[in-house]
Amino acid sequence: MDRKTFIQSLGILALTPSAMQLNELRKLADGFKSTPKMPVLFIGHGNPMNAIEENSFTKGWRDITKKIPTPNAILVISAHWETKGTYVTAMEKPKTIYDMYGFPQELYEVKYDCPGSPELAGIIKENANKANVHLDHSWGLDHGTWSVLVKMYPDANIPVLQLSIDRFQNAQYHYDLAKELEVLRNKGVLIIGSGNIVHNLRYASFAIDPKPYDWAVEFDEKAKELILSKEHNSLINYQDLGTAAQLSIPTPEHYLPLLYILAQQQNEDKVEFFNEEMAFASGSMRSIIIGQ
């Protein structure tokens, strides 16, 4: 089944009654040709300038696509779309949003003119029993999405959607909501969480090759250890992990996309880390592929 047929097929599900239970939706989805289970990604996106630079981080993003089948569509949970309630972009052509300030003009001239998919947005809305997902026609793709995808999939020919982060909900809510997206992995949808495990701009250093703070390294390594041991409850309750966690996650928006990816982890899924570096002394660029 080619991508166009896939997206058109999903449109059938968008018309199903909203009261339909998740298991019934799964049965309908299974009527379409399945794909091998897609991996899921957490991308430490860091500085927006990565969109116009070539460095070890952008190389890591580009190289990881060699381990992933070409997606039928991409769903991104970005740190930079916080809302009251949960929304998914549902427009045919999402716009490129320049939600950052004080950067060179060259960065604001980057366009990521990929298609969207109202049909797939409808599927996501119907699959989510944990949240009342609203269809959004005004947002688009913020820099947490396009600054990464412009390196990973520069042809911009794959439909891309964003799912917002409800800032009024706790970490457990986001983890539970993410579990309801699992069915998408078997339909060729690549789910990406875009944020940073450690992200504290207050302590950022703009010196050349600054030494990372001890607390930043400590929590980054602790998170790696907990991910490898599948101790998701500890990562959900990150506030209980001590001072290093509190300094690394002063606000949760960059951390929560990680939980959307961990929620997809199955017992048989392998975990691989890449871009295991710190940036600006107080930011982790650690990225993760699960299930490759």
Protein backbone atom coordinates (compact mmCIF):
# COMPACT_ATOMS: atom_id res chain seq x y z
CA MET A 1 0.00 0.00 0.00
CA ASP A 2 1.51 3.36 -0.98
CA ARG A 3 1.42 6.38 1.32
CA LYS A 4 -1.47 8.10 -0.47
CA THR A 5 -3.64 4.99 -0.30
CA PHE A 6 -2.70 4.54 3.35
CA ILE A 7 -3.79 8.04 4.28
CA GLN A 8 -7.01 7.74 2.27
CA SER A 9 -7.77 4.45 4.02
CA LEU A 10 -7.35 6.05 7.40
CA GLY A 11 -10.05 8.51 6.41
CA ILE A 12 -12.61 5.75 6.86
CA LEU A 13 -11.76 5.59 10.54
CA ALA A 14 -12.09 9.34 10.91
CA LEU A 15 -15.79 8.92 10.24
CA THR A 16 -16.41 6.35 12.97
CA PRO A 17 -18.58 7.34 15.97
CA SER A 18 -16.65 9.02 18.76
CA ALA A 19 -18.17 6.62 21.31
CA MET A 20 -16.56 3.59 19.66
CA GLN A 21 -14.27 1.76 22.07
CA LEU A 22 -10.55 1.50 21.46
CA ASN A 23 -10.61 -2.26 20.86
CA GLU A 24 -13.21 -1.80 18.13
CA LEU A 25 -11.03 0.82 16.49
CA ARG A 26 -8.12 -1.60 16.60
CA LYS A 27 -10.19 -4.22 14.77
CA LEU A 28 -11.03 -1.74 12.04
CA ALA A 29 -7.41 -0.61 11.78
CA ASP A 30 -6.32 -4.23 11.41
CA GLY A 31 -8.39 -4.40 8.25
CA PHE A 32 -5.72 -2.34 6.50
CA LYS A 33 -2.40 -3.73 5.42
CA SER A 34 -0.11 -3.71 8.43
CA THR A 35 3.51 -2.64 8.35
CA PRO A 36 6.39 -3.95 10.45
CA LYS A 37 6.24 -2.23 13.82
CA MET A 38 7.89 1.16 13.52
CA PRO A 39 10.48 2.21 16.08
CA VAL A 40 9.88 5.33 18.17
CA LEU A 41 12.32 8.19 18.70
CA PHE A 42 13.17 10.71 21.35
CA ILE A 43 15.23 13.54 19.87
CA GLY A 44 17.21 15.97 21.99
CA HIS A 45 16.65 18.95 19.73
CA GLY A 46 18.59 21.68 21.51
CA ASN A 47 19.56 24.88 19.71
CA PRO A 48 17.34 25.91 16.74
CA MET A 49 20.56 26.78 14.88
CA ASN A 50 21.03 23.06 14.30
CA ALA A 51 18.55 23.50 11.44
CA ILE A 52 21.12 25.45 9.41
CA GLU A 53 24.33 23.98 10.79
CA GLU A 54 26.16 20.72 10.25
CA ASN A 55 27.50 19.15 13.44
CA SER A 56 27.60 15.88 15.34
CA PHE A 57 23.97 16.27 16.41
CA THR A 58 22.58 16.79 12.92
CA LYS A 59 24.72 13.90 11.67
CA GLY A 60 23.19 11.70 14.37
CA TRP A 61 19.67 12.69 13.32
CA ARG A 62 20.44 11.99 9.68
CA ASP A 63 22.16 8.68 10.37
CA ILE A 64 19.33 7.31 12.52
CA THR A 65 16.92 7.44 9.57
CA LYS A 66 18.97 4.65 7.96
CA LYS A 67 17.65 2.32 10.67
CA ILE A 68 14.01 3.28 10.14
CA PRO A 69 11.69 2.18 7.31
CA THR A 70 10.36 5.15 5.37
CA PRO A 71 7.35 6.29 7.42
CA ASN A 72 3.85 6.62 6.03
CA ALA A 73 3.44 9.59 8.37
CA ILE A 74 5.19 11.23 11.32
CA LEU A 75 3.63 12.30 14.62
CA VAL A 76 5.72 14.67 16.76
CA ILE A 77 5.20 15.60 20.39
CA SER A 78 7.21 18.82 20.68
CA ALA A 79 8.22 20.67 23.82
CA HIS A 80 7.17 23.91 22.14
CA TRP A 81 3.43 23.35 21.81
CA GLU A 82 1.82 23.64 25.23
CA THR A 83 -1.93 24.04 25.44
CA LYS A 84 -4.90 23.85 27.78
CA GLY A 85 -6.37 20.56 26.63
CA THR A 86 -4.89 18.24 24.01
CA TYR A 87 -4.79 19.12 20.31
CA VAL A 88 -3.56 17.49 17.13
CA THR A 89 -2.82 19.41 13.94
CA ALA A 90 -5.41 18.58 11.30
CA MET A 91 -4.62 20.84 8.36
CA GLU A 92 -3.63 19.76 4.84
CA LYS A 93 -0.52 21.98 4.79
CA PRO A 94 0.97 22.82 8.20
CA LYS A 95 2.84 26.11 8.28
CA THR A 96 6.42 26.55 9.51
CA ILE A 97 6.30 28.40 12.85
CA TYR A 98 9.24 30.58 13.91
CA ASP A 99 8.71 30.42 17.66
CA MET A 100 12.18 31.69 18.60
CA TYR A 101 13.78 35.12 18.78
CA GLY A 102 17.14 36.77 18.22
CA PHE A 103 18.60 34.33 15.69
CA PRO A 104 20.16 35.04 12.28
CA GLN A 105 17.76 35.82 9.43
CA GLU A 106 18.87 32.67 7.64
CA LEU A 107 17.10 30.56 10.25
CA TYR A 108 13.78 32.35 9.66
CA GLU A 109 14.03 31.60 5.96
CA VAL A 110 13.98 27.84 6.48
CA LYS A 111 10.74 26.32 5.21
CA TYR A 112 9.53 22.80 5.87
CA ASP A 113 6.67 22.51 3.42
CA CYS A 114 5.50 18.98 4.14
CA PRO A 115 1.91 17.78 3.86
CA GLY A 116 -0.31 17.25 6.87
CA SER A 117 -3.07 14.67 7.23
CA PRO A 118 -6.55 15.55 8.50
CA GLU A 119 -7.42 11.86 8.13
CA LEU A 120 -4.68 10.68 10.45
CA ALA A 121 -5.58 13.44 12.90
CA GLY A 122 -9.05 11.92 13.03
CA ILE A 123 -7.58 8.51 13.83
CA ILE A 124 -5.56 9.96 16.70
CA LYS A 125 -8.63 11.72 18.06
CA GLU A 126 -10.65 8.50 17.99
CA ASN A 127 -7.91 6.36 19.54
CA ALA A 128 -7.49 8.63 22.55
CA ASN A 129 -9.81 7.58 25.36
CA LYS A 130 -7.57 9.18 27.98
CA ALA A 131 -8.06 12.66 26.54
CA ASN A 132 -10.59 14.59 24.54
CA VAL A 133 -8.30 15.37 21.61
CA HIS A 134 -9.30 18.46 19.66
CA LEU A 135 -8.54 18.95 15.96
CA ASP A 136 -6.40 22.05 15.43
CA HIS A 137 -6.26 24.09 12.21
CA SER A 138 -4.15 27.06 13.36
CA TRP A 139 -0.83 25.80 14.76
CA GLY A 140 1.52 24.06 12.34
CA LEU A 141 5.09 22.87 12.92
CA ASP A 142 7.18 24.63 15.57
CA HIS A 143 10.97 24.55 15.73
CA GLY A 144 10.93 21.47 17.95
CA THR A 145 9.67 19.67 14.86
CA TRP A 146 10.95 21.33 11.70
CA SER A 147 14.50 22.03 12.93
CA VAL A 148 14.94 18.27 13.34
CA LEU A 149 12.96 16.98 10.37
CA VAL A 150 14.72 19.31 7.94
CA LYS A 151 17.82 17.20 8.66
CA MET A 152 16.16 13.81 9.01
CA TYR A 153 13.75 14.00 6.06
CA PRO A 154 14.86 17.00 3.98
CA ASP A 155 12.56 16.20 1.04
CA ALA A 156 9.55 17.10 3.24
CA ASN A 157 7.39 14.59 1.39
CA ILE A 158 6.03 12.69 4.41
CA PRO A 159 2.85 13.87 6.18
CA VAL A 160 3.67 15.39 9.57
CA LEU A 161 1.36 16.10 12.51
CA GLN A 162 1.98 17.51 15.98
CA LEU A 163 0.27 16.50 19.22
CA SER A 164 0.22 19.20 21.88
CA ILE A 165 1.25 18.93 25.52
CA ASP A 166 -1.53 19.79 27.98
CA ARG A 167 0.36 21.90 30.51
CA PHE A 168 -2.33 21.38 33.13
CA GLN A 169 -1.87 17.59 33.34
CA ASN A 170 0.69 15.60 35.30
CA ALA A 171 3.36 13.26 33.93
CA GLN A 172 1.31 10.11 34.53
CA TYR A 173 -1.49 11.50 32.37
CA HIS A 174 0.88 12.05 29.45
CA TYR A 175 2.39 8.56 29.79
CA ASP A 176 -1.06 6.95 29.84
CA LEU A 177 -2.25 9.00 26.86
CA ALA A 178 0.83 7.96 24.89
CA LYS A 179 0.01 4.27 25.37
CA GLU A 180 -3.18 4.80 23.38
CA LEU A 181 -1.08 5.75 20.34
CA GLU A 182 0.61 2.36 20.15
CA VAL A 183 -1.64 1.15 17.31
CA LEU A 184 -0.05 3.75 15.01
CA ARG A 185 3.29 1.96 15.12
CA ASN A 186 1.83 -0.95 13.17
CA LYS A 187 0.52 1.39 10.48
CA GLY A 188 3.83 2.91 9.47
CA VAL A 189 3.59 6.01 11.66
CA LEU A 190 6.85 7.22 13.20
CA ILE A 191 6.25 8.74 16.63
CA ILE A 192 8.87 11.28 17.73
CA GLY A 193 9.21 13.03 21.07
CA SER A 194 11.23 16.22 20.67
CA GLY A 195 12.67 17.88 23.78
CA ASN A 196 15.66 17.47 26.09
CA ILE A 197 16.14 15.22 29.12
CA VAL A 198 18.16 17.98 30.78
CA HIS A 199 17.08 21.52 29.92
CA ASN A 200 17.83 24.46 32.16
CA LEU A 201 18.37 27.68 30.20
CA ARG A 202 18.97 29.67 33.38
CA TYR A 203 22.32 27.94 33.80
CA ALA A 204 23.26 27.77 30.10
CA SER A 205 26.84 28.71 29.28
CA PHE A 206 27.73 30.23 25.91
CA ALA A 207 31.47 29.77 26.38
CA ILE A 208 33.38 27.68 23.86
CA ASP A 209 33.10 24.00 24.83
CA PRO A 210 31.87 24.65 28.40
CA LYS A 211 32.22 21.96 31.07
CA PRO A 212 28.78 20.48 31.85
CA TYR A 213 27.44 20.93 35.36
CA ASP A 214 27.84 17.89 37.59
CA TRP A 215 24.11 17.78 38.29
CA ALA A 216 23.31 17.80 34.56
CA VAL A 217 25.62 14.87 33.89
CA GLU A 218 24.33 13.05 36.97
CA PHE A 219 20.69 13.21 35.93
CA ASP A 220 21.40 12.46 32.28
CA GLU A 221 23.21 9.28 33.29
CA LYS A 222 20.53 8.40 35.83
CA ALA A 223 17.84 8.73 33.16
CA LYS A 224 19.83 6.44 30.86
CA GLU A 225 20.12 3.85 33.62
CA LEU A 226 16.39 3.96 34.37
CA ILE A 227 15.46 3.73 30.68
CA LEU A 228 17.65 0.66 30.19
CA SER A 229 16.13 -1.03 33.24
CA LYS A 230 12.59 -0.06 32.11
CA GLU A 231 11.91 1.70 35.42
CA HIS A 232 9.30 3.96 33.91
CA ASN A 233 7.56 4.73 37.19
CA SER A 234 10.71 6.41 38.48
CA LEU A 235 10.97 8.48 35.31
CA ILE A 236 7.31 9.45 35.54
CA ASN A 237 7.82 10.56 39.15
CA TYR A 238 11.00 12.44 38.31
CA GLN A 239 10.41 14.99 41.09
CA ASP A 240 11.39 12.27 43.54
CA LEU A 241 14.81 11.68 41.96
CA GLY A 242 16.60 14.36 43.94
CA THR A 243 18.29 17.70 43.43
CA ALA A 244 19.92 16.78 40.11
CA ALA A 245 16.50 16.01 38.63
CA GLN A 246 15.01 19.23 39.97
CA LEU A 247 17.79 21.30 38.44
CA SER A 248 17.63 19.37 35.16
CA ILE A 249 13.85 19.75 34.84
CA PRO A 250 12.92 23.17 36.23
CA THR A 251 9.83 23.07 33.99
CA PRO A 252 8.48 19.87 32.43
CA GLU A 253 7.77 20.74 28.79
CA HIS A 254 11.11 19.51 27.41
CA TYR A 255 11.01 16.36 29.52
CA LEU A 256 7.44 15.19 28.88
CA PRO A 257 8.04 14.20 25.22
CA LEU A 258 10.37 11.51 26.57
CA LEU A 259 7.45 9.90 28.41
CA TYR A 260 5.45 9.70 25.19
CA ILE A 261 8.24 7.56 23.75
CA LEU A 262 8.89 5.40 26.81
CA ALA A 263 5.19 4.54 26.96
CA GLN A 264 5.62 2.77 23.61
CA GLN A 265 8.41 0.49 24.86
CA GLN A 266 7.59 -3.22 24.69
CA ASN A 267 9.54 -6.03 26.37
CA GLU A 268 11.07 -7.12 23.07
CA ASP A 269 12.07 -3.60 22.00
CA LYS A 270 15.77 -2.86 21.95
CA VAL A 271 16.99 0.54 23.13
CA GLU A 272 19.84 2.46 21.55
CA PHE A 273 21.18 5.89 22.50
CA PHE A 274 22.82 8.40 20.18
CA ASN A 275 24.00 12.02 20.40
CA GLU A 276 25.06 11.33 23.99
CA GLU A 277 26.51 14.78 24.54
CA MET A 278 25.81 17.87 26.61
CA ALA A 279 25.31 21.33 25.11
CA PHE A 280 25.69 24.75 26.75
CA ALA A 281 26.67 23.00 30.02
CA SER A 282 23.03 22.56 31.11
CA GLY A 283 21.35 20.72 28.24
CA SER A 284 21.39 17.06 27.24
CA MET A 285 21.27 16.18 23.55
CA ARG A 286 20.80 12.50 24.38
CA SER A 287 18.51 10.88 21.82
CA ILE A 288 16.92 7.43 21.87
CA ILE A 289 15.58 4.93 19.36
CA ILE A 290 13.37 2.17 20.75
CA GLY A 291 12.36 -0.91 18.80
CA GLN A 292 14.65 -0.67 15.76
